[in-house]
Amino acid sequence: FIARAKIDRKTLEIWIEEEWLVPQ
């Protein structure tokens, strides 16, 4: 997902924490 979305791990973690993304 990080590779396809072209975001870094830290950004992903922040977006998950903010609940902008909610992974299964």
PDBML (XML) file of the C-alpha atoms, coordinates in Angstrom:
<?xml version="1.0" encoding="UTF-8" ?>
<PDBx:datablock datablockName="MODEL"
   xmlns:PDBx="http://pdbml.pdb.org/schema/pdbx-v50.xsd"
   xmlns:xsi="http://www.w3.org/2001/XMLSchema-instance"
   xsi:schemaLocation="http://pdbml.pdb.org/schema/pdbx-v50.xsd pdbx-v50.xsd">
   <PDBx:atom_siteCategory>
      <PDBx:atom_site id="1">
         <PDBx:B_iso_or_equiv>0.00</PDBx:B_iso_or_equiv>
         <PDBx:Cartn_x>0.000</PDBx:Cartn_x>
         <PDBx:Cartn_y>0.000</PDBx:Cartn_y>
         <PDBx:Cartn_z>0.000</PDBx:Cartn_z>
         <PDBx:auth_asym_id>A</PDBx:auth_asym_id>
         <PDBx:auth_atom_id>CA</PDBx:auth_atom_id>
         <PDBx:auth_comp_id>PHE</PDBx:auth_comp_id>
         <PDBx:auth_seq_id>1</PDBx:auth_seq_id>
         <PDBx:group_PDB>ATOM</PDBx:group_PDB>
         <PDBx:label_alt_id xsi:nil="true" />
         <PDBx:label_asym_id>A</PDBx:label_asym_id>
         <PDBx:label_atom_id>CA</PDBx:label_atom_id>
         <PDBx:label_comp_id>PHE</PDBx:label_comp_id>
         <PDBx:label_entity_id>1</PDBx:label_entity_id>
         <PDBx:label_seq_id>1</PDBx:label_seq_id>
         <PDBx:occupancy>1.00</PDBx:occupancy>
         <PDBx:pdbx_PDB_model_num>1</PDBx:pdbx_PDB_model_num>
         <PDBx:type_symbol>C</PDBx:type_symbol>
      </PDBx:atom_site>
      <PDBx:atom_site id="2">
         <PDBx:B_iso_or_equiv>0.00</PDBx:B_iso_or_equiv>
         <PDBx:Cartn_x>2.782</PDBx:Cartn_x>
         <PDBx:Cartn_y>2.432</PDBx:Cartn_y>
         <PDBx:Cartn_z>0.884</PDBx:Cartn_z>
         <PDBx:auth_asym_id>A</PDBx:auth_asym_id>
         <PDBx:auth_atom_id>CA</PDBx:auth_atom_id>
         <PDBx:auth_comp_id>ILE</PDBx:auth_comp_id>
         <PDBx:auth_seq_id>2</PDBx:auth_seq_id>
         <PDBx:group_PDB>ATOM</PDBx:group_PDB>
         <PDBx:label_alt_id xsi:nil="true" />
         <PDBx:label_asym_id>A</PDBx:label_asym_id>
         <PDBx:label_atom_id>CA</PDBx:label_atom_id>
         <PDBx:label_comp_id>ILE</PDBx:label_comp_id>
         <PDBx:label_entity_id>1</PDBx:label_entity_id>
         <PDBx:label_seq_id>2</PDBx:label_seq_id>
         <PDBx:occupancy>1.00</PDBx:occupancy>
         <PDBx:pdbx_PDB_model_num>1</PDBx:pdbx_PDB_model_num>
         <PDBx:type_symbol>C</PDBx:type_symbol>
      </PDBx:atom_site>
      <PDBx:atom_site id="3">
         <PDBx:B_iso_or_equiv>0.00</PDBx:B_iso_or_equiv>
         <PDBx:Cartn_x>4.406</PDBx:Cartn_x>
         <PDBx:Cartn_y>1.785</PDBx:Cartn_y>
         <PDBx:Cartn_z>-2.481</PDBx:Cartn_z>
         <PDBx:auth_asym_id>A</PDBx:auth_asym_id>
         <PDBx:auth_atom_id>CA</PDBx:auth_atom_id>
         <PDBx:auth_comp_id>ALA</PDBx:auth_comp_id>
         <PDBx:auth_seq_id>3</PDBx:auth_seq_id>
         <PDBx:group_PDB>ATOM</PDBx:group_PDB>
         <PDBx:label_alt_id xsi:nil="true" />
         <PDBx:label_asym_id>A</PDBx:label_asym_id>
         <PDBx:label_atom_id>CA</PDBx:label_atom_id>
         <PDBx:label_comp_id>ALA</PDBx:label_comp_id>
         <PDBx:label_entity_id>1</PDBx:label_entity_id>
         <PDBx:label_seq_id>3</PDBx:label_seq_id>
         <PDBx:occupancy>1.00</PDBx:occupancy>
         <PDBx:pdbx_PDB_model_num>1</PDBx:pdbx_PDB_model_num>
         <PDBx:type_symbol>C</PDBx:type_symbol>
      </PDBx:atom_site>
      <PDBx:atom_site id="4">
         <PDBx:B_iso_or_equiv>0.00</PDBx:B_iso_or_equiv>
         <PDBx:Cartn_x>1.165</PDBx:Cartn_x>
         <PDBx:Cartn_y>2.071</PDBx:Cartn_y>
         <PDBx:Cartn_z>-4.468</PDBx:Cartn_z>
         <PDBx:auth_asym_id>A</PDBx:auth_asym_id>
         <PDBx:auth_atom_id>CA</PDBx:auth_atom_id>
         <PDBx:auth_comp_id>ARG</PDBx:auth_comp_id>
         <PDBx:auth_seq_id>4</PDBx:auth_seq_id>
         <PDBx:group_PDB>ATOM</PDBx:group_PDB>
         <PDBx:label_alt_id xsi:nil="true" />
         <PDBx:label_asym_id>A</PDBx:label_asym_id>
         <PDBx:label_atom_id>CA</PDBx:label_atom_id>
         <PDBx:label_comp_id>ARG</PDBx:label_comp_id>
         <PDBx:label_entity_id>1</PDBx:label_entity_id>
         <PDBx:label_seq_id>4</PDBx:label_seq_id>
         <PDBx:occupancy>1.00</PDBx:occupancy>
         <PDBx:pdbx_PDB_model_num>1</PDBx:pdbx_PDB_model_num>
         <PDBx:type_symbol>C</PDBx:type_symbol>
      </PDBx:atom_site>
      <PDBx:atom_site id="5">
         <PDBx:B_iso_or_equiv>0.00</PDBx:B_iso_or_equiv>
         <PDBx:Cartn_x>-0.047</PDBx:Cartn_x>
         <PDBx:Cartn_y>5.139</PDBx:Cartn_y>
         <PDBx:Cartn_z>-2.582</PDBx:Cartn_z>
         <PDBx:auth_asym_id>A</PDBx:auth_asym_id>
         <PDBx:auth_atom_id>CA</PDBx:auth_atom_id>
         <PDBx:auth_comp_id>ALA</PDBx:auth_comp_id>
         <PDBx:auth_seq_id>5</PDBx:auth_seq_id>
         <PDBx:group_PDB>ATOM</PDBx:group_PDB>
         <PDBx:label_alt_id xsi:nil="true" />
         <PDBx:label_asym_id>A</PDBx:label_asym_id>
         <PDBx:label_atom_id>CA</PDBx:label_atom_id>
         <PDBx:label_comp_id>ALA</PDBx:label_comp_id>
         <PDBx:label_entity_id>1</PDBx:label_entity_id>
         <PDBx:label_seq_id>5</PDBx:label_seq_id>
         <PDBx:occupancy>1.00</PDBx:occupancy>
         <PDBx:pdbx_PDB_model_num>1</PDBx:pdbx_PDB_model_num>
         <PDBx:type_symbol>C</PDBx:type_symbol>
      </PDBx:atom_site>
      <PDBx:atom_site id="6">
         <PDBx:B_iso_or_equiv>0.00</PDBx:B_iso_or_equiv>
         <PDBx:Cartn_x>3.387</PDBx:Cartn_x>
         <PDBx:Cartn_y>6.785</PDBx:Cartn_y>
         <PDBx:Cartn_z>-2.861</PDBx:Cartn_z>
         <PDBx:auth_asym_id>A</PDBx:auth_asym_id>
         <PDBx:auth_atom_id>CA</PDBx:auth_atom_id>
         <PDBx:auth_comp_id>LYS</PDBx:auth_comp_id>
         <PDBx:auth_seq_id>6</PDBx:auth_seq_id>
         <PDBx:group_PDB>ATOM</PDBx:group_PDB>
         <PDBx:label_alt_id xsi:nil="true" />
         <PDBx:label_asym_id>A</PDBx:label_asym_id>
         <PDBx:label_atom_id>CA</PDBx:label_atom_id>
         <PDBx:label_comp_id>LYS</PDBx:label_comp_id>
         <PDBx:label_entity_id>1</PDBx:label_entity_id>
         <PDBx:label_seq_id>6</PDBx:label_seq_id>
         <PDBx:occupancy>1.00</PDBx:occupancy>
         <PDBx:pdbx_PDB_model_num>1</PDBx:pdbx_PDB_model_num>
         <PDBx:type_symbol>C</PDBx:type_symbol>
      </PDBx:atom_site>
      <PDBx:atom_site id="7">
         <PDBx:B_iso_or_equiv>0.00</PDBx:B_iso_or_equiv>
         <PDBx:Cartn_x>3.390</PDBx:Cartn_x>
         <PDBx:Cartn_y>7.841</PDBx:Cartn_y>
         <PDBx:Cartn_z>0.775</PDBx:Cartn_z>
         <PDBx:auth_asym_id>A</PDBx:auth_asym_id>
         <PDBx:auth_atom_id>CA</PDBx:auth_atom_id>
         <PDBx:auth_comp_id>ILE</PDBx:auth_comp_id>
         <PDBx:auth_seq_id>7</PDBx:auth_seq_id>
         <PDBx:group_PDB>ATOM</PDBx:group_PDB>
         <PDBx:label_alt_id xsi:nil="true" />
         <PDBx:label_asym_id>A</PDBx:label_asym_id>
         <PDBx:label_atom_id>CA</PDBx:label_atom_id>
         <PDBx:label_comp_id>ILE</PDBx:label_comp_id>
         <PDBx:label_entity_id>1</PDBx:label_entity_id>
         <PDBx:label_seq_id>7</PDBx:label_seq_id>
         <PDBx:occupancy>1.00</PDBx:occupancy>
         <PDBx:pdbx_PDB_model_num>1</PDBx:pdbx_PDB_model_num>
         <PDBx:type_symbol>C</PDBx:type_symbol>
      </PDBx:atom_site>
      <PDBx:atom_site id="8">
         <PDBx:B_iso_or_equiv>0.00</PDBx:B_iso_or_equiv>
         <PDBx:Cartn_x>5.895</PDBx:Cartn_x>
         <PDBx:Cartn_y>7.175</PDBx:Cartn_y>
         <PDBx:Cartn_z>3.517</PDBx:Cartn_z>
         <PDBx:auth_asym_id>A</PDBx:auth_asym_id>
         <PDBx:auth_atom_id>CA</PDBx:auth_atom_id>
         <PDBx:auth_comp_id>ASP</PDBx:auth_comp_id>
         <PDBx:auth_seq_id>8</PDBx:auth_seq_id>
         <PDBx:group_PDB>ATOM</PDBx:group_PDB>
         <PDBx:label_alt_id xsi:nil="true" />
         <PDBx:label_asym_id>A</PDBx:label_asym_id>
         <PDBx:label_atom_id>CA</PDBx:label_atom_id>
         <PDBx:label_comp_id>ASP</PDBx:label_comp_id>
         <PDBx:label_entity_id>1</PDBx:label_entity_id>
         <PDBx:label_seq_id>8</PDBx:label_seq_id>
         <PDBx:occupancy>1.00</PDBx:occupancy>
         <PDBx:pdbx_PDB_model_num>1</PDBx:pdbx_PDB_model_num>
         <PDBx:type_symbol>C</PDBx:type_symbol>
      </PDBx:atom_site>
      <PDBx:atom_site id="9">
         <PDBx:B_iso_or_equiv>0.00</PDBx:B_iso_or_equiv>
         <PDBx:Cartn_x>5.318</PDBx:Cartn_x>
         <PDBx:Cartn_y>4.984</PDBx:Cartn_y>
         <PDBx:Cartn_z>6.564</PDBx:Cartn_z>
         <PDBx:auth_asym_id>A</PDBx:auth_asym_id>
         <PDBx:auth_atom_id>CA</PDBx:auth_atom_id>
         <PDBx:auth_comp_id>ARG</PDBx:auth_comp_id>
         <PDBx:auth_seq_id>9</PDBx:auth_seq_id>
         <PDBx:group_PDB>ATOM</PDBx:group_PDB>
         <PDBx:label_alt_id xsi:nil="true" />
         <PDBx:label_asym_id>A</PDBx:label_asym_id>
         <PDBx:label_atom_id>CA</PDBx:label_atom_id>
         <PDBx:label_comp_id>ARG</PDBx:label_comp_id>
         <PDBx:label_entity_id>1</PDBx:label_entity_id>
         <PDBx:label_seq_id>9</PDBx:label_seq_id>
         <PDBx:occupancy>1.00</PDBx:occupancy>
         <PDBx:pdbx_PDB_model_num>1</PDBx:pdbx_PDB_model_num>
         <PDBx:type_symbol>C</PDBx:type_symbol>
      </PDBx:atom_site>
      <PDBx:atom_site id="10">
         <PDBx:B_iso_or_equiv>0.00</PDBx:B_iso_or_equiv>
         <PDBx:Cartn_x>5.102</PDBx:Cartn_x>
         <PDBx:Cartn_y>7.955</PDBx:Cartn_y>
         <PDBx:Cartn_z>8.941</PDBx:Cartn_z>
         <PDBx:auth_asym_id>A</PDBx:auth_asym_id>
         <PDBx:auth_atom_id>CA</PDBx:auth_atom_id>
         <PDBx:auth_comp_id>LYS</PDBx:auth_comp_id>
         <PDBx:auth_seq_id>10</PDBx:auth_seq_id>
         <PDBx:group_PDB>ATOM</PDBx:group_PDB>
         <PDBx:label_alt_id xsi:nil="true" />
         <PDBx:label_asym_id>A</PDBx:label_asym_id>
         <PDBx:label_atom_id>CA</PDBx:label_atom_id>
         <PDBx:label_comp_id>LYS</PDBx:label_comp_id>
         <PDBx:label_entity_id>1</PDBx:label_entity_id>
         <PDBx:label_seq_id>10</PDBx:label_seq_id>
         <PDBx:occupancy>1.00</PDBx:occupancy>
         <PDBx:pdbx_PDB_model_num>1</PDBx:pdbx_PDB_model_num>
         <PDBx:type_symbol>C</PDBx:type_symbol>
      </PDBx:atom_site>
      <PDBx:atom_site id="11">
         <PDBx:B_iso_or_equiv>0.00</PDBx:B_iso_or_equiv>
         <PDBx:Cartn_x>2.383</PDBx:Cartn_x>
         <PDBx:Cartn_y>9.619</PDBx:Cartn_y>
         <PDBx:Cartn_z>6.843</PDBx:Cartn_z>
         <PDBx:auth_asym_id>A</PDBx:auth_asym_id>
         <PDBx:auth_atom_id>CA</PDBx:auth_atom_id>
         <PDBx:auth_comp_id>THR</PDBx:auth_comp_id>
         <PDBx:auth_seq_id>11</PDBx:auth_seq_id>
         <PDBx:group_PDB>ATOM</PDBx:group_PDB>
         <PDBx:label_alt_id xsi:nil="true" />
         <PDBx:label_asym_id>A</PDBx:label_asym_id>
         <PDBx:label_atom_id>CA</PDBx:label_atom_id>
         <PDBx:label_comp_id>THR</PDBx:label_comp_id>
         <PDBx:label_entity_id>1</PDBx:label_entity_id>
         <PDBx:label_seq_id>11</PDBx:label_seq_id>
         <PDBx:occupancy>1.00</PDBx:occupancy>
         <PDBx:pdbx_PDB_model_num>1</PDBx:pdbx_PDB_model_num>
         <PDBx:type_symbol>C</PDBx:type_symbol>
      </PDBx:atom_site>
      <PDBx:atom_site id="12">
         <PDBx:B_iso_or_equiv>0.00</PDBx:B_iso_or_equiv>
         <PDBx:Cartn_x>0.449</PDBx:Cartn_x>
         <PDBx:Cartn_y>6.362</PDBx:Cartn_y>
         <PDBx:Cartn_z>6.761</PDBx:Cartn_z>
         <PDBx:auth_asym_id>A</PDBx:auth_asym_id>
         <PDBx:auth_atom_id>CA</PDBx:auth_atom_id>
         <PDBx:auth_comp_id>LEU</PDBx:auth_comp_id>
         <PDBx:auth_seq_id>12</PDBx:auth_seq_id>
         <PDBx:group_PDB>ATOM</PDBx:group_PDB>
         <PDBx:label_alt_id xsi:nil="true" />
         <PDBx:label_asym_id>A</PDBx:label_asym_id>
         <PDBx:label_atom_id>CA</PDBx:label_atom_id>
         <PDBx:label_comp_id>LEU</PDBx:label_comp_id>
         <PDBx:label_entity_id>1</PDBx:label_entity_id>
         <PDBx:label_seq_id>12</PDBx:label_seq_id>
         <PDBx:occupancy>1.00</PDBx:occupancy>
         <PDBx:pdbx_PDB_model_num>1</PDBx:pdbx_PDB_model_num>
         <PDBx:type_symbol>C</PDBx:type_symbol>
      </PDBx:atom_site>
      <PDBx:atom_site id="13">
         <PDBx:B_iso_or_equiv>0.00</PDBx:B_iso_or_equiv>
         <PDBx:Cartn_x>0.688</PDBx:Cartn_x>
         <PDBx:Cartn_y>6.010</PDBx:Cartn_y>
         <PDBx:Cartn_z>10.540</PDBx:Cartn_z>
         <PDBx:auth_asym_id>A</PDBx:auth_asym_id>
         <PDBx:auth_atom_id>CA</PDBx:auth_atom_id>
         <PDBx:auth_comp_id>GLU</PDBx:auth_comp_id>
         <PDBx:auth_seq_id>13</PDBx:auth_seq_id>
         <PDBx:group_PDB>ATOM</PDBx:group_PDB>
         <PDBx:label_alt_id xsi:nil="true" />
         <PDBx:label_asym_id>A</PDBx:label_asym_id>
         <PDBx:label_atom_id>CA</PDBx:label_atom_id>
         <PDBx:label_comp_id>GLU</PDBx:label_comp_id>
         <PDBx:label_entity_id>1</PDBx:label_entity_id>
         <PDBx:label_seq_id>13</PDBx:label_seq_id>
         <PDBx:occupancy>1.00</PDBx:occupancy>
         <PDBx:pdbx_PDB_model_num>1</PDBx:pdbx_PDB_model_num>
         <PDBx:type_symbol>C</PDBx:type_symbol>
      </PDBx:atom_site>
      <PDBx:atom_site id="14">
         <PDBx:B_iso_or_equiv>0.00</PDBx:B_iso_or_equiv>
         <PDBx:Cartn_x>-0.545</PDBx:Cartn_x>
         <PDBx:Cartn_y>9.575</PDBx:Cartn_y>
         <PDBx:Cartn_z>11.052</PDBx:Cartn_z>
         <PDBx:auth_asym_id>A</PDBx:auth_asym_id>
         <PDBx:auth_atom_id>CA</PDBx:auth_atom_id>
         <PDBx:auth_comp_id>ILE</PDBx:auth_comp_id>
         <PDBx:auth_seq_id>14</PDBx:auth_seq_id>
         <PDBx:group_PDB>ATOM</PDBx:group_PDB>
         <PDBx:label_alt_id xsi:nil="true" />
         <PDBx:label_asym_id>A</PDBx:label_asym_id>
         <PDBx:label_atom_id>CA</PDBx:label_atom_id>
         <PDBx:label_comp_id>ILE</PDBx:label_comp_id>
         <PDBx:label_entity_id>1</PDBx:label_entity_id>
         <PDBx:label_seq_id>14</PDBx:label_seq_id>
         <PDBx:occupancy>1.00</PDBx:occupancy>
         <PDBx:pdbx_PDB_model_num>1</PDBx:pdbx_PDB_model_num>
         <PDBx:type_symbol>C</PDBx:type_symbol>
      </PDBx:atom_site>
      <PDBx:atom_site id="15">
         <PDBx:B_iso_or_equiv>0.00</PDBx:B_iso_or_equiv>
         <PDBx:Cartn_x>-3.464</PDBx:Cartn_x>
         <PDBx:Cartn_y>9.085</PDBx:Cartn_y>
         <PDBx:Cartn_z>8.675</PDBx:Cartn_z>
         <PDBx:auth_asym_id>A</PDBx:auth_asym_id>
         <PDBx:auth_atom_id>CA</PDBx:auth_atom_id>
         <PDBx:auth_comp_id>TRP</PDBx:auth_comp_id>
         <PDBx:auth_seq_id>15</PDBx:auth_seq_id>
         <PDBx:group_PDB>ATOM</PDBx:group_PDB>
         <PDBx:label_alt_id xsi:nil="true" />
         <PDBx:label_asym_id>A</PDBx:label_asym_id>
         <PDBx:label_atom_id>CA</PDBx:label_atom_id>
         <PDBx:label_comp_id>TRP</PDBx:label_comp_id>
         <PDBx:label_entity_id>1</PDBx:label_entity_id>
         <PDBx:label_seq_id>15</PDBx:label_seq_id>
         <PDBx:occupancy>1.00</PDBx:occupancy>
         <PDBx:pdbx_PDB_model_num>1</PDBx:pdbx_PDB_model_num>
         <PDBx:type_symbol>C</PDBx:type_symbol>
      </PDBx:atom_site>
      <PDBx:atom_site id="16">
         <PDBx:B_iso_or_equiv>0.00</PDBx:B_iso_or_equiv>
         <PDBx:Cartn_x>-4.424</PDBx:Cartn_x>
         <PDBx:Cartn_y>5.860</PDBx:Cartn_y>
         <PDBx:Cartn_z>10.432</PDBx:Cartn_z>
         <PDBx:auth_asym_id>A</PDBx:auth_asym_id>
         <PDBx:auth_atom_id>CA</PDBx:auth_atom_id>
         <PDBx:auth_comp_id>ILE</PDBx:auth_comp_id>
         <PDBx:auth_seq_id>16</PDBx:auth_seq_id>
         <PDBx:group_PDB>ATOM</PDBx:group_PDB>
         <PDBx:label_alt_id xsi:nil="true" />
         <PDBx:label_asym_id>A</PDBx:label_asym_id>
         <PDBx:label_atom_id>CA</PDBx:label_atom_id>
         <PDBx:label_comp_id>ILE</PDBx:label_comp_id>
         <PDBx:label_entity_id>1</PDBx:label_entity_id>
         <PDBx:label_seq_id>16</PDBx:label_seq_id>
         <PDBx:occupancy>1.00</PDBx:occupancy>
         <PDBx:pdbx_PDB_model_num>1</PDBx:pdbx_PDB_model_num>
         <PDBx:type_symbol>C</PDBx:type_symbol>
      </PDBx:atom_site>
      <PDBx:atom_site id="17">
         <PDBx:B_iso_or_equiv>0.00</PDBx:B_iso_or_equiv>
         <PDBx:Cartn_x>-4.174</PDBx:Cartn_x>
         <PDBx:Cartn_y>7.582</PDBx:Cartn_y>
         <PDBx:Cartn_z>13.817</PDBx:Cartn_z>
         <PDBx:auth_asym_id>A</PDBx:auth_asym_id>
         <PDBx:auth_atom_id>CA</PDBx:auth_atom_id>
         <PDBx:auth_comp_id>GLU</PDBx:auth_comp_id>
         <PDBx:auth_seq_id>17</PDBx:auth_seq_id>
         <PDBx:group_PDB>ATOM</PDBx:group_PDB>
         <PDBx:label_alt_id xsi:nil="true" />
         <PDBx:label_asym_id>A</PDBx:label_asym_id>
         <PDBx:label_atom_id>CA</PDBx:label_atom_id>
         <PDBx:label_comp_id>GLU</PDBx:label_comp_id>
         <PDBx:label_entity_id>1</PDBx:label_entity_id>
         <PDBx:label_seq_id>17</PDBx:label_seq_id>
         <PDBx:occupancy>1.00</PDBx:occupancy>
         <PDBx:pdbx_PDB_model_num>1</PDBx:pdbx_PDB_model_num>
         <PDBx:type_symbol>C</PDBx:type_symbol>
      </PDBx:atom_site>
      <PDBx:atom_site id="18">
         <PDBx:B_iso_or_equiv>0.00</PDBx:B_iso_or_equiv>
         <PDBx:Cartn_x>-6.389</PDBx:Cartn_x>
         <PDBx:Cartn_y>10.402</PDBx:Cartn_y>
         <PDBx:Cartn_z>12.519</PDBx:Cartn_z>
         <PDBx:auth_asym_id>A</PDBx:auth_asym_id>
         <PDBx:auth_atom_id>CA</PDBx:auth_atom_id>
         <PDBx:auth_comp_id>GLU</PDBx:auth_comp_id>
         <PDBx:auth_seq_id>18</PDBx:auth_seq_id>
         <PDBx:group_PDB>ATOM</PDBx:group_PDB>
         <PDBx:label_alt_id xsi:nil="true" />
         <PDBx:label_asym_id>A</PDBx:label_asym_id>
         <PDBx:label_atom_id>CA</PDBx:label_atom_id>
         <PDBx:label_comp_id>GLU</PDBx:label_comp_id>
         <PDBx:label_entity_id>1</PDBx:label_entity_id>
         <PDBx:label_seq_id>18</PDBx:label_seq_id>
         <PDBx:occupancy>1.00</PDBx:occupancy>
         <PDBx:pdbx_PDB_model_num>1</PDBx:pdbx_PDB_model_num>
         <PDBx:type_symbol>C</PDBx:type_symbol>
      </PDBx:atom_site>
      <PDBx:atom_site id="19">
         <PDBx:B_iso_or_equiv>0.00</PDBx:B_iso_or_equiv>
         <PDBx:Cartn_x>-8.764</PDBx:Cartn_x>
         <PDBx:Cartn_y>7.705</PDBx:Cartn_y>
         <PDBx:Cartn_z>11.191</PDBx:Cartn_z>
         <PDBx:auth_asym_id>A</PDBx:auth_asym_id>
         <PDBx:auth_atom_id>CA</PDBx:auth_atom_id>
         <PDBx:auth_comp_id>GLU</PDBx:auth_comp_id>
         <PDBx:auth_seq_id>19</PDBx:auth_seq_id>
         <PDBx:group_PDB>ATOM</PDBx:group_PDB>
         <PDBx:label_alt_id xsi:nil="true" />
         <PDBx:label_asym_id>A</PDBx:label_asym_id>
         <PDBx:label_atom_id>CA</PDBx:label_atom_id>
         <PDBx:label_comp_id>GLU</PDBx:label_comp_id>
         <PDBx:label_entity_id>1</PDBx:label_entity_id>
         <PDBx:label_seq_id>19</PDBx:label_seq_id>
         <PDBx:occupancy>1.00</PDBx:occupancy>
         <PDBx:pdbx_PDB_model_num>1</PDBx:pdbx_PDB_model_num>
         <PDBx:type_symbol>C</PDBx:type_symbol>
      </PDBx:atom_site>
      <PDBx:atom_site id="20">
         <PDBx:B_iso_or_equiv>0.00</PDBx:B_iso_or_equiv>
         <PDBx:Cartn_x>-8.522</PDBx:Cartn_x>
         <PDBx:Cartn_y>9.095</PDBx:Cartn_y>
         <PDBx:Cartn_z>7.690</PDBx:Cartn_z>
         <PDBx:auth_asym_id>A</PDBx:auth_asym_id>
         <PDBx:auth_atom_id>CA</PDBx:auth_atom_id>
         <PDBx:auth_comp_id>TRP</PDBx:auth_comp_id>
         <PDBx:auth_seq_id>20</PDBx:auth_seq_id>
         <PDBx:group_PDB>ATOM</PDBx:group_PDB>
         <PDBx:label_alt_id xsi:nil="true" />
         <PDBx:label_asym_id>A</PDBx:label_asym_id>
         <PDBx:label_atom_id>CA</PDBx:label_atom_id>
         <PDBx:label_comp_id>TRP</PDBx:label_comp_id>
         <PDBx:label_entity_id>1</PDBx:label_entity_id>
         <PDBx:label_seq_id>20</PDBx:label_seq_id>
         <PDBx:occupancy>1.00</PDBx:occupancy>
         <PDBx:pdbx_PDB_model_num>1</PDBx:pdbx_PDB_model_num>
         <PDBx:type_symbol>C</PDBx:type_symbol>
      </PDBx:atom_site>
      <PDBx:atom_site id="21">
         <PDBx:B_iso_or_equiv>0.00</PDBx:B_iso_or_equiv>
         <PDBx:Cartn_x>-7.620</PDBx:Cartn_x>
         <PDBx:Cartn_y>5.546</PDBx:Cartn_y>
         <PDBx:Cartn_z>6.664</PDBx:Cartn_z>
         <PDBx:auth_asym_id>A</PDBx:auth_asym_id>
         <PDBx:auth_atom_id>CA</PDBx:auth_atom_id>
         <PDBx:auth_comp_id>LEU</PDBx:auth_comp_id>
         <PDBx:auth_seq_id>21</PDBx:auth_seq_id>
         <PDBx:group_PDB>ATOM</PDBx:group_PDB>
         <PDBx:label_alt_id xsi:nil="true" />
         <PDBx:label_asym_id>A</PDBx:label_asym_id>
         <PDBx:label_atom_id>CA</PDBx:label_atom_id>
         <PDBx:label_comp_id>LEU</PDBx:label_comp_id>
         <PDBx:label_entity_id>1</PDBx:label_entity_id>
         <PDBx:label_seq_id>21</PDBx:label_seq_id>
         <PDBx:occupancy>1.00</PDBx:occupancy>
         <PDBx:pdbx_PDB_model_num>1</PDBx:pdbx_PDB_model_num>
         <PDBx:type_symbol>C</PDBx:type_symbol>
      </PDBx:atom_site>
      <PDBx:atom_site id="22">
         <PDBx:B_iso_or_equiv>0.00</PDBx:B_iso_or_equiv>
         <PDBx:Cartn_x>-9.008</PDBx:Cartn_x>
         <PDBx:Cartn_y>2.531</PDBx:Cartn_y>
         <PDBx:Cartn_z>8.482</PDBx:Cartn_z>
         <PDBx:auth_asym_id>A</PDBx:auth_asym_id>
         <PDBx:auth_atom_id>CA</PDBx:auth_atom_id>
         <PDBx:auth_comp_id>VAL</PDBx:auth_comp_id>
         <PDBx:auth_seq_id>22</PDBx:auth_seq_id>
         <PDBx:group_PDB>ATOM</PDBx:group_PDB>
         <PDBx:label_alt_id xsi:nil="true" />
         <PDBx:label_asym_id>A</PDBx:label_asym_id>
         <PDBx:label_atom_id>CA</PDBx:label_atom_id>
         <PDBx:label_comp_id>VAL</PDBx:label_comp_id>
         <PDBx:label_entity_id>1</PDBx:label_entity_id>
         <PDBx:label_seq_id>22</PDBx:label_seq_id>
         <PDBx:occupancy>1.00</PDBx:occupancy>
         <PDBx:pdbx_PDB_model_num>1</PDBx:pdbx_PDB_model_num>
         <PDBx:type_symbol>C</PDBx:type_symbol>
      </PDBx:atom_site>
      <PDBx:atom_site id="23">
         <PDBx:B_iso_or_equiv>0.00</PDBx:B_iso_or_equiv>
         <PDBx:Cartn_x>-7.239</PDBx:Cartn_x>
         <PDBx:Cartn_y>-0.646</PDBx:Cartn_y>
         <PDBx:Cartn_z>7.382</PDBx:Cartn_z>
         <PDBx:auth_asym_id>A</PDBx:auth_asym_id>
         <PDBx:auth_atom_id>CA</PDBx:auth_atom_id>
         <PDBx:auth_comp_id>PRO</PDBx:auth_comp_id>
         <PDBx:auth_seq_id>23</PDBx:auth_seq_id>
         <PDBx:group_PDB>ATOM</PDBx:group_PDB>
         <PDBx:label_alt_id xsi:nil="true" />
         <PDBx:label_asym_id>A</PDBx:label_asym_id>
         <PDBx:label_atom_id>CA</PDBx:label_atom_id>
         <PDBx:label_comp_id>PRO</PDBx:label_comp_id>
         <PDBx:label_entity_id>1</PDBx:label_entity_id>
         <PDBx:label_seq_id>23</PDBx:label_seq_id>
         <PDBx:occupancy>1.00</PDBx:occupancy>
         <PDBx:pdbx_PDB_model_num>1</PDBx:pdbx_PDB_model_num>
         <PDBx:type_symbol>C</PDBx:type_symbol>
      </PDBx:atom_site>
      <PDBx:atom_site id="24">
         <PDBx:B_iso_or_equiv>0.00</PDBx:B_iso_or_equiv>
         <PDBx:Cartn_x>-8.682</PDBx:Cartn_x>
         <PDBx:Cartn_y>-4.112</PDBx:Cartn_y>
         <PDBx:Cartn_z>7.791</PDBx:Cartn_z>
         <PDBx:auth_asym_id>A</PDBx:auth_asym_id>
         <PDBx:auth_atom_id>CA</PDBx:auth_atom_id>
         <PDBx:auth_comp_id>GLN</PDBx:auth_comp_id>
         <PDBx:auth_seq_id>24</PDBx:auth_seq_id>
         <PDBx:group_PDB>ATOM</PDBx:group_PDB>
         <PDBx:label_alt_id xsi:nil="true" />
         <PDBx:label_asym_id>A</PDBx:label_asym_id>
         <PDBx:label_atom_id>CA</PDBx:label_atom_id>
         <PDBx:label_comp_id>GLN</PDBx:label_comp_id>
         <PDBx:label_entity_id>1</PDBx:label_entity_id>
         <PDBx:label_seq_id>24</PDBx:label_seq_id>
         <PDBx:occupancy>1.00</PDBx:occupancy>
         <PDBx:pdbx_PDB_model_num>1</PDBx:pdbx_PDB_model_num>
         <PDBx:type_symbol>C</PDBx:type_symbol>
      </PDBx:atom_site>
   </PDBx:atom_siteCategory>
</PDBx:datablock>
